[in-house]
Protein backbone atom coordinates (compact mmCIF):
# COMPACT_ATOMS: atom_id res chain seq x y z
CA UNK A 1 -36.20 28.23 -132.62
CA UNK A 2 -38.75 28.08 -129.81
CA UNK A 3 -41.16 26.12 -131.96
CA UNK A 4 -38.46 23.56 -132.77
CA UNK A 5 -37.63 23.03 -129.08
CA UNK A 6 -41.27 22.65 -128.13
CA UNK A 7 -41.69 20.00 -130.81
CA UNK A 8 -38.68 18.04 -129.50
CA UNK A 9 -39.93 18.29 -125.93
CA UNK A 10 -43.34 16.99 -126.97
CA UNK A 11 -41.72 14.02 -128.78
CA UNK A 12 -39.60 13.18 -125.77
CA UNK A 13 -42.63 13.46 -123.49
CA UNK A 14 -44.65 11.19 -125.77
CA UNK A 15 -41.86 8.61 -125.80
CA UNK A 16 -41.75 8.64 -122.02
CA UNK A 17 -45.54 8.17 -121.83
CA UNK A 18 -45.51 5.11 -124.13
CA UNK A 19 -42.71 3.54 -122.10
CA UNK A 20 -44.79 3.91 -118.96
CA UNK A 21 -47.81 2.37 -120.68
CA UNK A 22 -45.68 -0.50 -121.99
CA UNK A 23 -44.30 -1.10 -118.52
CA UNK A 24 -47.83 -1.21 -117.04
CA UNK A 25 -49.07 -3.55 -119.76
CA UNK A 26 -46.10 -5.84 -119.30
CA UNK A 27 -46.71 -6.02 -115.56
CA UNK A 28 -50.44 -6.65 -116.08
CA UNK A 29 -49.79 -9.43 -118.58
CA UNK A 30 -47.38 -11.06 -116.10
CA UNK A 31 -50.09 -11.05 -113.45
CA UNK A 32 -52.64 -12.52 -115.90
CA UNK A 33 -50.24 -15.28 -116.97
CA UNK A 34 -49.50 -16.09 -113.33
CA UNK A 35 -53.24 -16.28 -112.54
CA UNK A 36 -53.91 -18.55 -115.54
CA UNK A 37 -51.01 -20.78 -114.58
CA UNK A 38 -52.37 -21.14 -111.05
CA UNK A 39 -55.88 -21.84 -112.38
CA UNK A 40 -54.62 -24.54 -114.75
CA UNK A 41 -52.51 -26.12 -112.00
CA UNK A 42 -55.53 -26.18 -109.69
CA UNK A 43 -57.80 -27.68 -112.36
CA UNK A 44 -55.24 -30.37 -113.22
CA UNK A 45 -54.86 -31.21 -109.56
CA UNK A 46 -58.64 -31.55 -109.15
CA UNK A 47 -58.87 -33.72 -112.29
CA UNK A 48 -56.11 -36.01 -111.03
CA UNK A 49 -57.81 -36.25 -107.67
CA UNK A 50 -61.21 -36.93 -109.23
CA UNK A 51 -59.62 -39.56 -111.45
CA UNK A 52 -58.61 -41.61 -108.41
CA UNK A 53 -61.77 -41.21 -106.30
CA UNK A 54 -64.41 -43.94 -105.82
CA UNK A 55 -67.93 -43.30 -107.08
CA UNK A 56 -70.89 -45.54 -106.13
CA UNK A 57 -74.27 -45.75 -107.84
CA UNK A 58 -77.37 -47.89 -107.19
CA UNK A 59 -79.88 -49.36 -109.64
CA UNK A 60 -82.21 -52.31 -110.31
CA UNK A 61 -80.96 -55.36 -112.22
CA UNK A 62 -82.50 -58.77 -112.98
CA UNK A 63 -81.37 -61.76 -110.95
CA UNK A 64 -78.58 -63.59 -112.83
CA UNK A 65 -80.38 -66.95 -112.53
CA UNK A 66 -83.21 -65.67 -114.72
CA UNK A 67 -85.87 -66.67 -112.21
CA UNK A 68 -87.76 -63.36 -112.29
CA UNK A 69 -85.99 -62.06 -109.22
CA UNK A 70 -85.02 -58.39 -109.01
CA UNK A 71 -81.78 -57.28 -107.39
CA UNK A 72 -80.50 -53.92 -106.20
CA UNK A 73 -76.93 -53.42 -107.41
CA UNK A 74 -74.38 -51.02 -105.90
CA UNK A 75 -71.54 -50.49 -108.37
CA UNK A 76 -68.26 -48.60 -108.11
CA UNK A 77 -67.93 -46.61 -111.35
CA UNK A 78 -65.06 -44.47 -110.01
CA UNK A 79 -61.32 -44.83 -110.43
CA UNK A 80 -60.47 -46.01 -106.93
CA UNK A 81 -61.68 -48.55 -104.37
CA UNK A 82 -64.39 -47.59 -101.87
CA UNK A 83 -64.29 -48.78 -98.28
CA UNK A 84 -66.67 -48.81 -95.30
CA UNK A 85 -69.77 -48.75 -97.49
CA UNK A 86 -73.17 -48.24 -95.84
CA UNK A 87 -76.58 -48.17 -97.48
CA UNK A 88 -80.05 -47.42 -96.17
CA UNK A 89 -83.51 -47.36 -97.74
CA UNK A 90 -85.42 -44.12 -97.40
CA UNK A 91 -89.15 -44.55 -97.84
CA UNK A 92 -92.47 -45.15 -96.13
CA UNK A 93 -92.20 -48.29 -93.97
CA UNK A 94 -95.89 -49.00 -94.57
CA UNK A 95 -95.24 -48.97 -98.30
CA UNK A 96 -92.50 -51.61 -97.90
CA UNK A 97 -94.74 -53.71 -95.63
CA UNK A 98 -97.50 -53.87 -98.26
CA UNK A 99 -95.34 -55.93 -100.62
CA UNK A 100 -93.72 -59.33 -100.36
CA UNK A 101 -90.07 -58.23 -100.24
CA UNK A 102 -87.20 -60.62 -99.68
CA UNK A 103 -84.95 -57.89 -98.23
CA UNK A 104 -85.69 -56.20 -94.93
CA UNK A 105 -85.57 -52.45 -95.66
CA UNK A 106 -86.06 -51.23 -92.12
CA UNK A 107 -82.48 -50.54 -91.01
CA UNK A 108 -79.05 -49.31 -92.17
CA UNK A 109 -76.68 -51.90 -93.60
CA UNK A 110 -72.87 -52.02 -93.42
CA UNK A 111 -70.08 -51.45 -93.27
CA UNK A 112 -69.09 -53.41 -96.37
CA UNK A 113 -65.31 -53.52 -96.18
CA UNK A 114 -64.40 -52.74 -99.80
CA UNK A 115 -65.92 -52.40 -103.25
CA UNK A 116 -63.03 -52.27 -105.71
CA UNK A 117 -62.93 -50.23 -108.91
CA UNK A 118 -65.51 -51.64 -111.38
CA UNK A 119 -66.73 -53.96 -108.62
CA UNK A 120 -70.28 -54.29 -107.33
CA UNK A 121 -72.51 -56.00 -104.81
CA UNK A 122 -75.94 -57.27 -105.82
CA UNK A 123 -78.69 -57.80 -103.22
CA UNK A 124 -81.81 -59.89 -103.85
CA UNK A 125 -84.66 -57.43 -103.32
CA UNK A 126 -87.89 -59.14 -104.41
CA UNK A 127 -89.53 -61.31 -107.05
CA UNK A 128 -90.15 -58.76 -109.79
CA UNK A 129 -93.84 -59.29 -110.54
CA UNK A 130 -94.74 -59.10 -106.84
CA UNK A 131 -93.65 -55.45 -106.79
CA UNK A 132 -96.74 -54.73 -108.89
CA UNK A 133 -99.19 -56.52 -106.63
CA UNK A 134 -99.61 -55.82 -102.88
CA UNK A 135 -99.99 -58.84 -100.62
CA UNK A 136 -103.72 -58.20 -100.16
CA UNK A 137 -104.31 -58.12 -103.94
CA UNK A 138 -102.03 -60.90 -105.17
CA UNK A 139 -104.91 -63.07 -106.42
CA UNK A 140 -106.68 -60.17 -108.10
CA UNK A 141 -103.63 -59.26 -110.25
CA UNK A 142 -104.08 -55.58 -109.31
CA UNK A 143 -101.53 -53.37 -111.02
CA UNK A 144 -100.36 -51.31 -108.03
CA UNK A 145 -96.57 -50.89 -108.22
CA UNK A 146 -94.56 -50.13 -105.12
CA UNK A 147 -94.00 -46.41 -104.58
CA UNK A 148 -90.62 -44.98 -105.63
CA UNK A 149 -88.06 -44.73 -102.83
CA UNK A 150 -84.47 -43.57 -102.32
CA UNK A 151 -81.41 -45.53 -101.29
CA UNK A 152 -78.72 -43.59 -99.42
CA UNK A 153 -75.13 -44.78 -99.91
CA UNK A 154 -72.18 -43.65 -97.79
CA UNK A 155 -68.53 -44.58 -98.37
CA UNK A 156 -64.91 -43.45 -97.93
CA UNK A 157 -61.81 -43.31 -100.10
CA UNK A 158 -59.21 -45.96 -99.44
CA UNK A 159 -57.03 -43.57 -97.48
CA UNK A 160 -60.02 -42.54 -95.37
CA UNK A 161 -59.25 -38.86 -95.91
CA UNK A 162 -62.60 -38.07 -97.48
CA UNK A 163 -66.16 -39.29 -96.95
CA UNK A 164 -68.84 -39.40 -99.61
CA UNK A 165 -72.61 -39.79 -99.67
CA UNK A 166 -75.21 -39.88 -102.40
CA UNK A 167 -78.83 -40.99 -102.81
CA UNK A 168 -80.52 -42.61 -105.77
CA UNK A 169 -84.18 -42.89 -106.72
CA UNK A 170 -85.42 -46.42 -107.39
CA UNK A 171 -88.68 -46.59 -109.31
CA UNK A 172 -89.97 -49.94 -110.58
CA UNK A 173 -92.64 -48.48 -112.87
CA UNK A 174 -90.41 -48.04 -115.96
CA UNK A 175 -89.63 -51.78 -115.86
CA UNK A 176 -93.25 -52.91 -116.19
CA UNK A 177 -93.70 -55.77 -118.68
CA UNK A 178 -90.00 -55.92 -119.53
CA UNK A 179 -88.90 -59.57 -119.97
CA UNK A 180 -86.42 -60.64 -117.34
CA UNK A 181 -87.36 -57.87 -114.91
CA UNK A 182 -91.01 -58.07 -113.93
CA UNK A 183 -92.51 -61.05 -115.78
CA UNK A 184 -93.48 -64.07 -113.70
CA UNK A 185 -90.90 -66.89 -113.95
CA UNK A 186 -91.84 -69.79 -116.24
CA UNK A 187 -91.66 -72.25 -113.36
CA UNK A 188 -94.23 -70.24 -111.39
CA UNK A 189 -96.43 -70.00 -114.47
CA UNK A 190 -96.29 -73.81 -114.72
CA UNK A 191 -97.23 -74.11 -111.05
CA UNK A 192 -100.20 -71.81 -111.61
CA UNK A 193 -101.32 -73.95 -114.57
CA UNK A 194 -101.06 -77.13 -112.52
CA UNK A 195 -103.02 -75.51 -109.68
CA UNK A 196 -105.72 -74.43 -112.13
CA UNK A 197 -105.99 -78.00 -113.44
CA UNK A 198 -106.14 -79.27 -109.86
CA UNK A 199 -109.00 -76.91 -109.06
CA UNK A 200 -110.93 -78.10 -112.12
CA UNK A 201 -110.38 -81.71 -111.16
CA UNK A 202 -111.53 -80.87 -107.64
CA UNK A 203 -114.87 -79.66 -108.96
CA UNK A 204 -115.34 -83.01 -110.73
CA UNK A 205 -114.53 -85.09 -107.66
CA UNK A 206 -118.11 -85.32 -106.26
CA UNK A 207 -119.46 -86.35 -109.64
CA UNK A 208 -116.69 -88.89 -110.17
CA UNK A 209 -117.24 -90.33 -106.68
CA UNK A 210 -120.96 -90.71 -107.37
CA UNK A 211 -120.33 -92.50 -110.65
CA UNK A 212 -117.63 -94.69 -109.16
CA UNK A 213 -120.16 -96.27 -106.78
CA UNK A 214 -122.35 -97.50 -109.66
CA UNK A 215 -121.86 -101.02 -110.93
CA UNK A 216 -123.24 -102.23 -114.23
CA UNK A 217 -125.40 -105.32 -113.78
CA UNK A 218 -126.16 -105.98 -117.42
CA UNK A 219 -126.67 -109.49 -118.86
CA UNK A 220 -126.85 -110.69 -122.40
CA UNK A 221 -130.65 -110.75 -122.12
CA UNK A 222 -130.96 -107.23 -120.71
CA UNK A 223 -132.82 -104.89 -123.00
CA UNK A 224 -131.72 -101.80 -121.03
CA UNK A 225 -128.64 -100.87 -119.06
CA UNK A 226 -128.91 -101.80 -115.40
CA UNK A 227 -126.79 -100.12 -112.74
CA UNK A 228 -126.65 -100.90 -109.05
CA UNK A 229 -125.09 -98.89 -106.28
CA UNK A 230 -121.93 -100.40 -104.89
CA UNK A 231 -120.17 -100.01 -101.54
CA UNK A 232 -118.88 -96.41 -101.27
CA UNK A 233 -116.17 -97.51 -98.85
CA UNK A 234 -114.46 -99.46 -101.60
CA UNK A 235 -113.86 -96.32 -103.61
């Protein structure tokens, strides 16, 4: 009899223990589900927000006229318009001064009112091939590319609630010898060829002037060519 009662008591006790465990597990799972729900809501909110934010990048691009010019483009690759855009070159001022740049890189530029989604601005920076030849070495064709530098870009979202900033490294070395980027324009090559011909003609000028003053004085009876010096002022 006593053994039978003890067995029943143990079964009842075990049932009570499992109920307590089940209750704890149920409460824990509720907390986990609530935490996951909050995490997913937060992630979705951040994704929606990121999907409507502007994002600016900077890079080199060839001039659209195909004249060998090199531009610096600032493009909005985000999903919203950017406003109050500033940009500034960060680099050694002496390095910029060594090269024949079209753009003055010494001060901060802006604000540009708006760059819409997928929009861009393109600034004429320099003639591409001149970035590989300092001013002092232009005639020697020295291959000394301009040192890499950064461009800092600052902008705001359209609502003005958040400000952004990013910097990008611009290095011209990877573009060496690429057609359309660094090669000398065909028109300038033609000018160089004409100048070379002019220099060659210039070296012949004294000889041509000397010969131009000689007049042939031959007659039908002359056994040898006769030349007399004419008036140099008539040449």
